[in-house]
Amino acid sequence: MEEEFNKVGAATLRVDFRRNEGSFDGVRKYDGYTKLFNFLAREVTTIHRDWLTQSRGSEAGGTSALSSHTSVRSFDDLSSSAEVTAMHAKLVELGGTPPTLDEVLPAQMNKKPAGLRSTP
């Protein structure tokens, strides 16, 4: 699977992955996902898609099916800052001007682990 990076705005990076899983009897199956890193909102949106296509010629028009799932997570809820740091560098490389990492990453000393928490 190959990554494709696109600067969507000064502070937003889009990363796309797509994989052709194969073909059987004229039906092609693909899967892929998109991640949007919004450094102003301090969020990463992940969109996962699976789709099938069948091309049956111009007289039939073909058919397709799509399944999609979307999740939005705050940078505060990520278990590591490594991916955010790497994507920040990539956006800067592409000419973006996101806020500094000090502004978008949670304070490491006060960071709580992601997941459910119990209250005393």
PDB file of N, CA and C in Angstrom:
ATOM      1  N   MET A   1       0.852  -1.158   0.000  1.00  0.00           N
ATOM      2  CA  MET A   1       0.000   0.000   0.000  1.00  0.00           C
ATOM      3  C   MET A   1       0.902   1.226   0.000  1.00  0.00           C
ATOM      4  N   GLU A   2       0.584   2.177  -0.835  1.00  0.00           N
ATOM      5  CA  GLU A   2       1.401   3.368  -0.976  1.00  0.00           C
ATOM      6  C   GLU A   2       0.704   4.576  -0.376  1.00  0.00           C
ATOM      7  N   GLU A   3       1.477   5.437   0.282  1.00  0.00           N
ATOM      8  CA  GLU A   3       0.939   6.650   0.871  1.00  0.00           C
ATOM      9  C   GLU A   3       1.001   7.790  -0.140  1.00  0.00           C
ATOM     10  N   GLU A   4      -0.036   8.623  -0.147  1.00  0.00           N
ATOM     11  CA  GLU A   4      -0.043   9.832  -0.961  1.00  0.00           C
ATOM     12  C   GLU A   4      -0.351  11.000  -0.030  1.00  0.00           C
ATOM     13  N   PHE A   5       0.522  12.007  -0.019  1.00  0.00           N
ATOM     14  CA  PHE A   5       0.384  13.155   0.869  1.00  0.00           C
ATOM     15  C   PHE A   5      -0.090  14.366   0.089  1.00  0.00           C
ATOM     16  N   ASN A   6      -1.071  15.081   0.634  1.00  0.00           N
ATOM     17  CA  ASN A   6      -1.580  16.301   0.009  1.00  0.00           C
ATOM     18  C   ASN A   6      -1.783  17.370   1.061  1.00  0.00           C
ATOM     19  N   LYS A   7      -1.286  18.571   0.784  1.00  0.00           N
ATOM     20  CA  LYS A   7      -1.540  19.712   1.651  1.00  0.00           C
ATOM     21  C   LYS A   7      -2.924  20.231   1.304  1.00  0.00           C
ATOM     22  N   VAL A   8      -3.863  20.141   2.246  1.00  0.00           N
ATOM     23  CA  VAL A   8      -5.242  20.579   2.026  1.00  0.00           C
ATOM     24  C   VAL A   8      -5.366  22.064   2.321  1.00  0.00           C
ATOM     25  N   GLY A   9      -4.642  22.517   3.293  1.00  0.00           N
ATOM     26  CA  GLY A   9      -4.622  23.921   3.683  1.00  0.00           C
ATOM     27  C   GLY A   9      -3.319  24.183   4.405  1.00  0.00           C
ATOM     28  N   ALA A  10      -3.153  25.388   4.900  1.00  0.00           N
ATOM     29  CA  ALA A  10      -1.912  25.750   5.581  1.00  0.00           C
ATOM     30  C   ALA A  10      -1.654  24.883   6.807  1.00  0.00           C
ATOM     31  N   ALA A  11      -2.727  24.396   7.452  1.00  0.00           N
ATOM     32  CA  ALA A  11      -2.576  23.639   8.693  1.00  0.00           C
ATOM     33  C   ALA A  11      -3.194  22.250   8.632  1.00  0.00           C
ATOM     34  N   THR A  12      -3.514  21.752   7.436  1.00  0.00           N
ATOM     35  CA  THR A  12      -4.161  20.442   7.309  1.00  0.00           C
ATOM     36  C   THR A  12      -3.448  19.595   6.257  1.00  0.00           C
ATOM     37  N   LEU A  13      -3.145  18.357   6.633  1.00  0.00           N
ATOM     38  CA  LEU A  13      -2.499  17.391   5.752  1.00  0.00           C
ATOM     39  C   LEU A  13      -3.428  16.214   5.540  1.00  0.00           C
ATOM     40  N   ARG A  14      -3.527  15.757   4.285  1.00  0.00           N
ATOM     41  CA  ARG A  14      -4.331  14.583   3.942  1.00  0.00           C
ATOM     42  C   ARG A  14      -3.378  13.474   3.501  1.00  0.00           C
ATOM     43  N   VAL A  15      -3.567  12.286   4.098  1.00  0.00           N
ATOM     44  CA  VAL A  15      -2.762  11.122   3.746  1.00  0.00           C
ATOM     45  C   VAL A  15      -3.724  10.055   3.236  1.00  0.00           C
ATOM     46  N   ASP A  16      -3.495   9.567   2.014  1.00  0.00           N
ATOM     47  CA  ASP A  16      -4.355   8.550   1.412  1.00  0.00           C
ATOM     48  C   ASP A  16      -3.577   7.257   1.195  1.00  0.00           C
ATOM     49  N   PHE A  17      -4.240   6.142   1.463  1.00  0.00           N
ATOM     50  CA  PHE A  17      -3.721   4.805   1.216  1.00  0.00           C
ATOM     51  C   PHE A  17      -4.789   4.055   0.420  1.00  0.00           C
ATOM     52  N   ARG A  18      -4.378   3.301  -0.594  1.00  0.00           N
ATOM     53  CA  ARG A  18      -5.336   2.502  -1.363  1.00  0.00           C
ATOM     54  C   ARG A  18      -4.654   1.209  -1.785  1.00  0.00           C
ATOM     55  N   ARG A  19      -5.399   0.112  -1.674  1.00  0.00           N
ATOM     56  CA  ARG A  19      -4.853  -1.183  -2.040  1.00  0.00           C
ATOM     57  C   ARG A  19      -5.859  -1.941  -2.892  1.00  0.00           C
ATOM     58  N   ASN A  20      -5.395  -2.487  -4.002  1.00  0.00           N
ATOM     59  CA  ASN A  20      -6.204  -3.355  -4.840  1.00  0.00           C
ATOM     60  C   ASN A  20      -6.032  -4.759  -4.291  1.00  0.00           C
ATOM     61  N   GLU A  21      -7.108  -5.312  -3.741  1.00  0.00           N
ATOM     62  CA  GLU A  21      -7.023  -6.632  -3.122  1.00  0.00           C
ATOM     63  C   GLU A  21      -7.180  -7.764  -4.121  1.00  0.00           C
ATOM     64  N   GLY A  22      -7.494  -7.446  -5.353  1.00  0.00           N
ATOM     65  CA  GLY A  22      -7.583  -8.490  -6.355  1.00  0.00           C
ATOM     66  C   GLY A  22      -8.882  -8.463  -7.129  1.00  0.00           C
ATOM     67  N   SER A  23      -9.000  -9.427  -8.020  1.00  0.00           N
ATOM     68  CA  SER A  23     -10.152  -9.503  -8.901  1.00  0.00           C
ATOM     69  C   SER A  23     -10.591 -10.960  -9.015  1.00  0.00           C
ATOM     70  N   PHE A  24     -11.909 -11.165  -9.053  1.00  0.00           N
ATOM     71  CA  PHE A  24     -12.448 -12.502  -9.236  1.00  0.00           C
ATOM     72  C   PHE A  24     -13.670 -12.415 -10.130  1.00  0.00           C
ATOM     73  N   ASP A  25     -13.616 -13.063 -11.261  1.00  0.00           N
ATOM     74  CA  ASP A  25     -14.743 -13.138 -12.181  1.00  0.00           C
ATOM     75  C   ASP A  25     -15.290 -11.747 -12.538  1.00  0.00           C
ATOM     76  N   GLY A  26     -14.377 -10.794 -12.779  1.00  0.00           N
ATOM     77  CA  GLY A  26     -14.780  -9.450 -13.198  1.00  0.00           C
ATOM     78  C   GLY A  26     -15.102  -8.491 -12.069  1.00  0.00           C
ATOM     79  N   VAL A  27     -15.064  -8.972 -10.827  1.00  0.00           N
ATOM     80  CA  VAL A  27     -15.347  -8.109  -9.671  1.00  0.00           C
ATOM     81  C   VAL A  27     -14.009  -7.737  -9.021  1.00  0.00           C
ATOM     82  N   ARG A  28     -13.773  -6.434  -8.850  1.00  0.00           N
ATOM     83  CA  ARG A  28     -12.546  -5.956  -8.220  1.00  0.00           C
ATOM     84  C   ARG A  28     -12.845  -5.482  -6.802  1.00  0.00           C
ATOM     85  N   LYS A  29     -11.943  -5.810  -5.873  1.00  0.00           N
ATOM     86  CA  LYS A  29     -12.097  -5.375  -4.473  1.00  0.00           C
ATOM     87  C   LYS A  29     -10.929  -4.467  -4.107  1.00  0.00           C
ATOM     88  N   TYR A  30     -11.258  -3.335  -3.491  1.00  0.00           N
ATOM     89  CA  TYR A  30     -10.271  -2.372  -3.028  1.00  0.00           C
ATOM     90  C   TYR A  30     -10.540  -2.042  -1.566  1.00  0.00           C
ATOM     91  N   ASP A  31      -9.497  -1.626  -0.875  1.00  0.00           N
ATOM     92  CA  ASP A  31      -9.698  -1.013   0.427  1.00  0.00           C
ATOM     93  C   ASP A  31      -8.683   0.116   0.559  1.00  0.00           C
ATOM     94  N   GLY A  32      -8.974   1.016   1.467  1.00  0.00           N
ATOM     95  CA  GLY A  32      -8.075   2.139   1.667  1.00  0.00           C
ATOM     96  C   GLY A  32      -8.573   3.012   2.786  1.00  0.00           C
ATOM     97  N   TYR A  33      -7.737   3.952   3.160  1.00  0.00           N
ATOM     98  CA  TYR A  33      -8.188   4.915   4.143  1.00  0.00           C
ATOM     99  C   TYR A  33      -7.507   6.249   3.930  1.00  0.00           C
ATOM    100  N   THR A  34      -8.143   7.250   4.489  1.00  0.00           N
ATOM    101  CA  THR A  34      -7.650   8.618   4.447  1.00  0.00           C
ATOM    102  C   THR A  34      -7.514   9.101   5.878  1.00  0.00           C
ATOM    103  N   LYS A  35      -6.422   9.784   6.158  1.00  0.00           N
ATOM    104  CA  LYS A  35      -6.244  10.445   7.448  1.00  0.00           C
ATOM    105  C   LYS A  35      -6.067  11.936   7.183  1.00  0.00           C
ATOM    106  N   LEU A  36      -6.835  12.737   7.906  1.00  0.00           N
ATOM    107  CA  LEU A  36      -6.719  14.185   7.838  1.00  0.00           C
ATOM    108  C   LEU A  36      -6.158  14.676   9.163  1.00  0.00           C
ATOM    109  N   PHE A  37      -4.997  15.288   9.125  1.00  0.00           N
ATOM    110  CA  PHE A  37      -4.385  15.862  10.314  1.00  0.00           C
ATOM    111  C   PHE A  37      -4.661  17.355  10.294  1.00  0.00           C
ATOM    112  N   ASN A  38      -5.541  17.804  11.184  1.00  0.00           N
ATOM    113  CA  ASN A  38      -5.882  19.217  11.289  1.00  0.00           C
ATOM    114  C   ASN A  38      -5.143  19.764  12.513  1.00  0.00           C
ATOM    115  N   PHE A  39      -4.073  20.507  12.252  1.00  0.00           N
ATOM    116  CA  PHE A  39      -3.234  20.984  13.346  1.00  0.00           C
ATOM    117  C   PHE A  39      -3.831  22.174  14.074  1.00  0.00           C
ATOM    118  N   LEU A  40      -4.772  22.901  13.479  1.00  0.00           N
ATOM    119  CA  LEU A  40      -5.456  23.978  14.193  1.00  0.00           C
ATOM    120  C   LEU A  40      -6.473  23.412  15.178  1.00  0.00           C
ATOM    121  N   ALA A  41      -7.225  22.397  14.741  1.00  0.00           N
ATOM    122  CA  ALA A  41      -8.222  21.767  15.612  1.00  0.00           C
ATOM    123  C   ALA A  41      -7.586  20.741  16.551  1.00  0.00           C
ATOM    124  N   ARG A  42      -6.322  20.356  16.268  1.00  0.00           N
ATOM    125  CA  ARG A  42      -5.622  19.331  17.042  1.00  0.00           C
ATOM    126  C   ARG A  42      -6.370  18.004  16.994  1.00  0.00           C
ATOM    127  N   GLU A  43      -6.800  17.627  15.776  1.00  0.00           N
ATOM    128  CA  GLU A  43      -7.563  16.394  15.572  1.00  0.00           C
ATOM    129  C   GLU A  43      -7.039  15.628  14.370  1.00  0.00           C
ATOM    130  N   VAL A  44      -7.228  14.319  14.426  1.00  0.00           N
ATOM    131  CA  VAL A  44      -6.972  13.471  13.271  1.00  0.00           C
ATOM    132  C   VAL A  44      -8.274  12.733  12.953  1.00  0.00           C
ATOM    133  N   THR A  45      -8.707  12.850  11.703  1.00  0.00           N
ATOM    134  CA  THR A  45      -9.904  12.170  11.222  1.00  0.00           C
ATOM    135  C   THR A  45      -9.452  11.004  10.342  1.00  0.00           C
ATOM    136  N   THR A  46      -9.964   9.812  10.629  1.00  0.00           N
ATOM    137  CA  THR A  46      -9.623   8.629   9.841  1.00  0.00           C
ATOM    138  C   THR A  46     -10.882   8.123   9.153  1.00  0.00           C
ATOM    139  N   ILE A  47     -10.790   7.931   7.845  1.00  0.00           N
ATOM    140  CA  ILE A  47     -11.906   7.418   7.046  1.00  0.00           C
ATOM    141  C   ILE A  47     -11.426   6.126   6.386  1.00  0.00           C
ATOM    142  N   HIS A  48     -12.045   5.013   6.740  1.00  0.00           N
ATOM    143  CA  HIS A  48     -11.696   3.718   6.157  1.00  0.00           C
ATOM    144  C   HIS A  48     -12.792   3.329   5.161  1.00  0.00           C
ATOM    145  N   ARG A  49     -12.385   2.857   3.976  1.00  0.00           N
ATOM    146  CA  ARG A  49     -13.345   2.480   2.942  1.00  0.00           C
ATOM    147  C   ARG A  49     -12.998   1.116   2.346  1.00  0.00           C
ATOM    148  N   ASP A  50     -14.029   0.342   2.071  1.00  0.00           N
ATOM    149  CA  ASP A  50     -13.925  -0.893   1.283  1.00  0.00           C
ATOM    150  C   ASP A  50     -14.886  -0.730   0.116  1.00  0.00           C
ATOM    151  N   TRP A  51     -14.480  -1.093  -1.099  1.00  0.00           N
ATOM    152  CA  TRP A  51     -15.409  -1.020  -2.207  1.00  0.00           C
ATOM    153  C   TRP A  51     -15.162  -2.127  -3.216  1.00  0.00           C
ATOM    154  N   LEU A  52     -16.247  -2.473  -3.884  1.00  0.00           N
ATOM    155  CA  LEU A  52     -16.254  -3.485  -4.940  1.00  0.00           C
ATOM    156  C   LEU A  52     -16.745  -2.832  -6.216  1.00  0.00           C
ATOM    157  N   THR A  53     -16.164  -3.195  -7.337  1.00  0.00           N
ATOM    158  CA  THR A  53     -16.650  -2.700  -8.624  1.00  0.00           C
ATOM    159  C   THR A  53     -16.737  -3.860  -9.609  1.00  0.00           C
ATOM    160  N   GLN A  54     -17.686  -3.745 -10.489  1.00  0.00           N
ATOM    161  CA  GLN A  54     -17.833  -4.726 -11.560  1.00  0.00           C
ATOM    162  C   GLN A  54     -18.134  -3.958 -12.837  1.00  0.00           C
ATOM    163  N   SER A  55     -17.216  -4.020 -13.777  1.00  0.00           N
ATOM    164  CA  SER A  55     -17.468  -3.331 -15.033  1.00  0.00           C
ATOM    165  C   SER A  55     -18.046  -4.341 -16.004  1.00  0.00           C
ATOM    166  N   ARG A  56     -19.245  -4.060 -16.477  1.00  0.00           N
ATOM    167  CA  ARG A  56     -19.941  -5.009 -17.348  1.00  0.00           C
ATOM    168  C   ARG A  56     -20.163  -4.436 -18.737  1.00  0.00           C
ATOM    169  N   GLY A  57     -19.401  -3.457 -19.109  1.00  0.00           N
ATOM    170  CA  GLY A  57     -19.552  -2.897 -20.447  1.00  0.00           C
ATOM    171  C   GLY A  57     -20.479  -1.702 -20.460  1.00  0.00           C
ATOM    172  N   SER A  58     -20.429  -0.965 -21.525  1.00  0.00           N
ATOM    173  CA  SER A  58     -21.189   0.289 -21.603  1.00  0.00           C
ATOM    174  C   SER A  58     -22.696   0.067 -21.608  1.00  0.00           C
ATOM    175  N   GLU A  59     -23.186  -1.072 -22.111  1.00  0.00           N
ATOM    176  CA  GLU A  59     -24.634  -1.293 -22.150  1.00  0.00           C
ATOM    177  C   GLU A  59     -25.216  -1.578 -20.773  1.00  0.00           C
ATOM    178  N   ALA A  60     -24.414  -2.110 -19.831  1.00  0.00           N
ATOM    179  CA  ALA A  60     -24.929  -2.437 -18.511  1.00  0.00           C
ATOM    180  C   ALA A  60     -24.595  -1.360 -17.473  1.00  0.00           C
ATOM    181  N   GLY A  61     -23.576  -0.576 -17.721  1.00  0.00           N
ATOM    182  CA  GLY A  61     -23.224   0.505 -16.810  1.00  0.00           C
ATOM    183  C   GLY A  61     -22.393   0.079 -15.613  1.00  0.00           C
ATOM    184  N   GLY A  62     -22.239  -1.209 -15.343  1.00  0.00           N
ATOM    185  CA  GLY A  62     -21.439  -1.668 -14.212  1.00  0.00           C
ATOM    186  C   GLY A  62     -22.142  -1.475 -12.889  1.00  0.00           C
ATOM    187  N   THR A  63     -21.541  -2.006 -11.848  1.00  0.00           N
ATOM    188  CA  THR A  63     -22.101  -1.881 -10.502  1.00  0.00           C
ATOM    189  C   THR A  63     -20.962  -1.608  -9.526  1.00  0.00           C
ATOM    190  N   SER A  64     -21.296  -1.072  -8.359  1.00  0.00           N
ATOM    191  CA  SER A  64     -20.300  -0.860  -7.322  1.00  0.00           C
ATOM    192  C   SER A  64     -20.972  -0.864  -5.954  1.00  0.00           C
ATOM    193  N   ALA A  65     -20.185  -1.109  -4.923  1.00  0.00           N
ATOM    194  CA  ALA A  65     -20.662  -1.068  -3.539  1.00  0.00           C
ATOM    195  C   ALA A  65     -19.573  -0.423  -2.697  1.00  0.00           C
ATOM    196  N   LEU A  66     -19.978   0.341  -1.685  1.00  0.00           N
ATOM    197  CA  LEU A  66     -19.019   1.041  -0.846  1.00  0.00           C
ATOM    198  C   LEU A  66     -19.414   0.916   0.614  1.00  0.00           C
ATOM    199  N   SER A  67     -18.433   0.656   1.452  1.00  0.00           N
ATOM    200  CA  SER A  67     -18.619   0.641   2.902  1.00  0.00           C
ATOM    201  C   SER A  67     -17.619   1.636   3.477  1.00  0.00           C
ATOM    202  N   SER A  68     -18.056   2.439   4.459  1.00  0.00           N
ATOM    203  CA  SER A  68     -17.181   3.473   4.989  1.00  0.00           C
ATOM    204  C   SER A  68     -17.358   3.617   6.500  1.00  0.00           C
ATOM    205  N   HIS A  69     -16.274   3.931   7.195  1.00  0.00           N
ATOM    206  CA  HIS A  69     -16.303   4.186   8.642  1.00  0.00           C
ATOM    207  C   HIS A  69     -15.404   5.390   8.917  1.00  0.00           C
ATOM    208  N   THR A  70     -15.890   6.333   9.739  1.00  0.00           N
ATOM    209  CA  THR A  70     -15.141   7.543  10.054  1.00  0.00           C
ATOM    210  C   THR A  70     -14.974   7.680  11.564  1.00  0.00           C
ATOM    211  N   SER A  71     -13.780   8.087  11.994  1.00  0.00           N
ATOM    212  CA  SER A  71     -13.546   8.388  13.409  1.00  0.00           C
ATOM    213  C   SER A  71     -12.729   9.670  13.513  1.00  0.00           C
ATOM    214  N   VAL A  72     -12.999  10.432  14.572  1.00  0.00           N
ATOM    215  CA  VAL A  72     -12.281  11.671  14.837  1.00  0.00           C
ATOM    216  C   VAL A  72     -11.696  11.574  16.235  1.00  0.00           C
ATOM    217  N   ARG A  73     -10.385  11.832  16.343  1.00  0.00           N
ATOM    218  CA  ARG A  73      -9.718  11.747  17.653  1.00  0.00           C
ATOM    219  C   ARG A  73      -8.902  13.004  17.901  1.00  0.00           C
ATOM    220  N   SER A  74      -8.948  13.464  19.119  1.00  0.00           N
ATOM    221  CA  SER A  74      -8.124  14.585  19.544  1.00  0.00           C
ATOM    222  C   SER A  74      -6.675  14.121  19.671  1.00  0.00           C
ATOM    223  N   PHE A  75      -5.733  14.999  19.412  1.00  0.00           N
ATOM    224  CA  PHE A  75      -4.333  14.658  19.634  1.00  0.00           C
ATOM    225  C   PHE A  75      -4.109  14.247  21.087  1.00  0.00           C
ATOM    226  N   ASP A  76      -4.902  14.791  22.017  1.00  0.00           N
ATOM    227  CA  ASP A  76      -4.780  14.449  23.436  1.00  0.00           C
ATOM    228  C   ASP A  76      -5.075  12.976  23.705  1.00  0.00           C
ATOM    229  N   ASP A  77      -5.894  12.355  22.865  1.00  0.00           N
ATOM    230  CA  ASP A  77      -6.319  10.976  23.090  1.00  0.00           C
ATOM    231  C   ASP A  77      -5.450   9.933  22.393  1.00  0.00           C
ATOM    232  N   LEU A  78      -4.450  10.360  21.640  1.00  0.00           N
ATOM    233  CA  LEU A  78      -3.568   9.422  20.959  1.00  0.00           C
ATOM    234  C   LEU A  78      -2.565   8.849  21.948  1.00  0.00           C
ATOM    235  N   SER A  79      -2.207   7.588  21.787  1.00  0.00           N
ATOM    236  CA  SER A  79      -1.293   6.937  22.725  1.00  0.00           C
ATOM    237  C   SER A  79       0.156   7.370  22.531  1.00  0.00           C
ATOM    238  N   SER A  80       0.453   7.983  21.379  1.00  0.00           N
ATOM    239  CA  SER A  80       1.806   8.441  21.087  1.00  0.00           C
ATOM    240  C   SER A  80       1.735   9.700  20.238  1.00  0.00           C
ATOM    241  N   SER A  81       2.746  10.527  20.348  1.00  0.00           N
ATOM    242  CA  SER A  81       2.796  11.736  19.529  1.00  0.00           C
ATOM    243  C   SER A  81       3.663  11.535  18.280  1.00  0.00           C
ATOM    244  N   ALA A  82       4.206  10.339  18.080  1.00  0.00           N
ATOM    245  CA  ALA A  82       5.143  10.077  16.977  1.00  0.00           C
ATOM    246  C   ALA A  82       4.521  10.350  15.606  1.00  0.00           C
ATOM    247  N   GLU A  83       3.302   9.866  15.370  1.00  0.00           N
ATOM    248  CA  GLU A  83       2.683  10.065  14.060  1.00  0.00           C
ATOM    249  C   GLU A  83       2.366  11.539  13.826  1.00  0.00           C
ATOM    250  N   VAL A  84       1.887  12.220  14.850  1.00  0.00           N
ATOM    251  CA  VAL A  84       1.583  13.648  14.723  1.00  0.00           C
ATOM    252  C   VAL A  84       2.857  14.421  14.387  1.00  0.00           C
ATOM    253  N   THR A  85       3.952  14.082  15.047  1.00  0.00           N
ATOM    254  CA  THR A  85       5.232  14.746  14.792  1.00  0.00           C
ATOM    255  C   THR A  85       5.690  14.515  13.352  1.00  0.00           C
ATOM    256  N   ALA A  86       5.584  13.269  12.870  1.00  0.00           N
ATOM    257  CA  ALA A  86       5.993  12.946  11.494  1.00  0.00           C
ATOM    258  C   ALA A  86       5.114  13.653  10.462  1.00  0.00           C
ATOM    259  N   MET A  87       3.804  13.687  10.697  1.00  0.00           N
ATOM    260  CA  MET A  87       2.892  14.335   9.750  1.00  0.00           C
ATOM    261  C   MET A  87       3.046  15.859   9.772  1.00  0.00           C
ATOM    262  N   HIS A  88       3.390  16.414  10.914  1.00  0.00           N
ATOM    263  CA  HIS A  88       3.677  17.847  11.020  1.00  0.00           C
ATOM    264  C   HIS A  88       4.877  18.191  10.132  1.00  0.00           C
ATOM    265  N   ALA A  89       5.938  17.383  10.228  1.00  0.00           N
ATOM    266  CA  ALA A  89       7.132  17.597   9.402  1.00  0.00           C
ATOM    267  C   ALA A  89       6.805  17.473   7.917  1.00  0.00           C
ATOM    268  N   LYS A  90       5.953  16.502   7.559  1.00  0.00           N
ATOM    269  CA  LYS A  90       5.577  16.312   6.153  1.00  0.00           C
ATOM    270  C   LYS A  90       4.798  17.520   5.634  1.00  0.00           C
ATOM    271  N   LEU A  91       3.874  18.045   6.442  1.00  0.00           N
ATOM    272  CA  LEU A  91       3.098  19.214   6.027  1.00  0.00           C
ATOM    273  C   LEU A  91       4.014  20.418   5.821  1.00  0.00           C
ATOM    274  N   VAL A  92       4.977  20.623   6.709  1.00  0.00           N
ATOM    275  CA  VAL A  92       5.930  21.727   6.555  1.00  0.00           C
ATOM    276  C   VAL A  92       6.747  21.528   5.273  1.00  0.00           C
ATOM    277  N   GLU A  93       7.155  20.280   5.009  1.00  0.00           N
ATOM    278  CA  GLU A  93       7.908  19.951   3.787  1.00  0.00           C
ATOM    279  C   GLU A  93       7.112  20.301   2.527  1.00  0.00           C
ATOM    280  N   LEU A  94       5.786  20.135   2.596  1.00  0.00           N
ATOM    281  CA  LEU A  94       4.917  20.431   1.447  1.00  0.00           C
ATOM    282  C   LEU A  94       4.529  21.914   1.360  1.00  0.00           C
ATOM    283  N   GLY A  95       5.061  22.729   2.258  1.00  0.00           N
ATOM    284  CA  GLY A  95       4.785  24.164   2.198  1.00  0.00           C
ATOM    285  C   GLY A  95       3.704  24.649   3.146  1.00  0.00           C
ATOM    286  N   GLY A  96       3.225  23.776   4.012  1.00  0.00           N
ATOM    287  CA  GLY A  96       2.216  24.175   4.990  1.00  0.00           C
ATOM    288  C   GLY A  96       2.833  24.990   6.120  1.00  0.00           C
ATOM    289  N   THR A  97       1.980  25.707   6.831  1.00  0.00           N
ATOM    290  CA  THR A  97       2.441  26.523   7.955  1.00  0.00           C
ATOM    291  C   THR A  97       1.584  26.236   9.192  1.00  0.00           C
ATOM    292  N   PRO A  98       1.643  25.006   9.705  1.00  0.00           N
ATOM    293  CA  PRO A  98       0.850  24.670  10.886  1.00  0.00           C
ATOM    294  C   PRO A  98       1.434  25.333  12.137  1.00  0.00           C
ATOM    295  N   PRO A  99       0.652  25.406  13.212  1.00  0.00           N
ATOM    296  CA  PRO A  99       1.213  25.874  14.482  1.00  0.00           C
ATOM    297  C   PRO A  99       2.389  24.981  14.882  1.00  0.00           C
ATOM    298  N   THR A 100       3.249  25.470  15.741  1.00  0.00           N
ATOM    299  CA  THR A 100       4.408  24.681  16.172  1.00  0.00           C
ATOM    300  C   THR A 100       3.954  23.440  16.935  1.00  0.00           C
ATOM    301  N   LEU A 101       4.843  22.462  17.013  1.00  0.00           N
ATOM    302  CA  LEU A 101       4.519  21.235  17.756  1.00  0.00           C
ATOM    303  C   LEU A 101       4.245  21.532  19.222  1.00  0.00           C
ATOM    304  N   ASP A 102       4.932  22.511  19.792  1.00  0.00           N
ATOM    305  CA  ASP A 102       4.666  22.882  21.192  1.00  0.00           C
ATOM    306  C   ASP A 102       3.230  23.345  21.387  1.00  0.00           C
ATOM    307  N   GLU A 103       2.651  23.943  20.345  1.00  0.00           N
ATOM    308  CA  GLU A 103       1.278  24.432  20.434  1.00  0.00           C
ATOM    309  C   GLU A 103       0.240  23.334  20.233  1.00  0.00           C
ATOM    310  N   VAL A 104       0.570  22.295  19.467  1.00  0.00           N
ATOM    311  CA  VAL A 104      -0.444  21.287  19.131  1.00  0.00           C
ATOM    312  C   VAL A 104      -0.350  20.002  19.944  1.00  0.00           C
ATOM    313  N   LEU A 105       0.838  19.693  20.462  1.00  0.00           N
ATOM    314  CA  LEU A 105       0.977  18.468  21.248  1.00  0.00           C
ATOM    315  C   LEU A 105       0.598  18.723  22.696  1.00  0.00           C
ATOM    316  N   PRO A 106      -0.044  17.756  23.341  1.00  0.00           N
ATOM    317  CA  PRO A 106      -0.376  17.913  24.758  1.00  0.00           C
ATOM    318  C   PRO A 106       0.898  17.947  25.594  1.00  0.00           C
ATOM    319  N   ALA A 107       0.822  18.579  26.740  1.00  0.00           N
ATOM    320  CA  ALA A 107       1.958  18.597  27.660  1.00  0.00           C
ATOM    321  C   ALA A 107       2.249  17.163  28.097  1.00  0.00           C
ATOM    322  N   GLN A 108       3.426  16.670  27.808  1.00  0.00           N
ATOM    323  CA  GLN A 108       3.758  15.268  28.071  1.00  0.00           C
ATOM    324  C   GLN A 108       3.727  14.929  29.561  1.00  0.00           C
ATOM    325  N   MET A 109       4.072  15.865  30.418  1.00  0.00           N
ATOM    326  CA  MET A 109       4.079  15.588  31.859  1.00  0.00           C
ATOM    327  C   MET A 109       2.676  15.334  32.392  1.00  0.00           C
ATOM    328  N   ASN A 110       1.689  15.994  31.819  1.00  0.00           N
ATOM    329  CA  ASN A 110       0.322  15.881  32.313  1.00  0.00           C
ATOM    330  C   ASN A 110      -0.546  14.955  31.475  1.00  0.00           C
ATOM    331  N   LYS A 111       0.046  14.310  30.476  1.00  0.00           N
ATOM    332  CA  LYS A 111      -0.743  13.484  29.573  1.00  0.00           C
ATOM    333  C   LYS A 111      -1.216  12.215  30.263  1.00  0.00           C
ATOM    334  N   LYS A 112      -2.508  11.962  30.153  1.00  0.00           N
ATOM    335  CA  LYS A 112      -3.099  10.745  30.703  1.00  0.00           C
ATOM    336  C   LYS A 112      -3.196   9.709  29.591  1.00  0.00           C
ATOM    337  N   PRO A 113      -3.106   8.431  29.916  1.00  0.00           N
ATOM    338  CA  PRO A 113      -3.236   7.412  28.876  1.00  0.00           C
ATOM    339  C   PRO A 113      -4.631   7.422  28.265  1.00  0.00           C
ATOM    340  N   ALA A 114      -4.690   7.090  26.966  1.00  0.00           N
ATOM    341  CA  ALA A 114      -5.980   7.030  26.274  1.00  0.00           C
ATOM    342  C   ALA A 114      -6.813   5.891  26.834  1.00  0.00           C
ATOM    343  N   GLY A 115      -8.107   6.004  26.724  1.00  0.00           N
ATOM    344  CA  GLY A 115      -8.992   4.934  27.163  1.00  0.00           C
ATOM    345  C   GLY A 115      -9.934   5.392  28.260  1.00  0.00           C
ATOM    346  N   LEU A 116     -10.693   4.459  28.787  1.00  0.00           N
ATOM    347  CA  LEU A 116     -11.653   4.768  29.843  1.00  0.00           C
ATOM    348  C   LEU A 116     -10.908   5.014  31.148  1.00  0.00           C
ATOM    349  N   ARG A 117     -11.433   5.945  31.920  1.00  0.00           N
ATOM    350  CA  ARG A 117     -10.824   6.263  33.207  1.00  0.00           C
ATOM    351  C   ARG A 117     -11.882   6.158  34.292  1.00  0.00           C
ATOM    352  N   SER A 118     -11.483   5.690  35.449  1.00  0.00           N
ATOM    353  CA  SER A 118     -12.425   5.640  36.576  1.00  0.00           C
ATOM    354  C   SER A 118     -12.193   6.872  37.443  1.00  0.00           C
ATOM    355  N   THR A 119     -13.255   7.338  38.072  1.00  0.00           N
ATOM    356  CA  THR A 119     -13.133   8.472  38.970  1.00  0.00           C
ATOM    357  C   THR A 119     -13.170   7.964  40.405  1.00  0.00           C
ATOM    358  N   PRO A 120     -12.367   8.565  41.298  1.00  0.00           N
ATOM    359  CA  PRO A 120     -12.320   8.088  42.680  1.00  0.00           C
ATOM    360  C   PRO A 120     -13.577   8.416  43.437  1.00  0.00           C
TER     361      PRO A 120
END
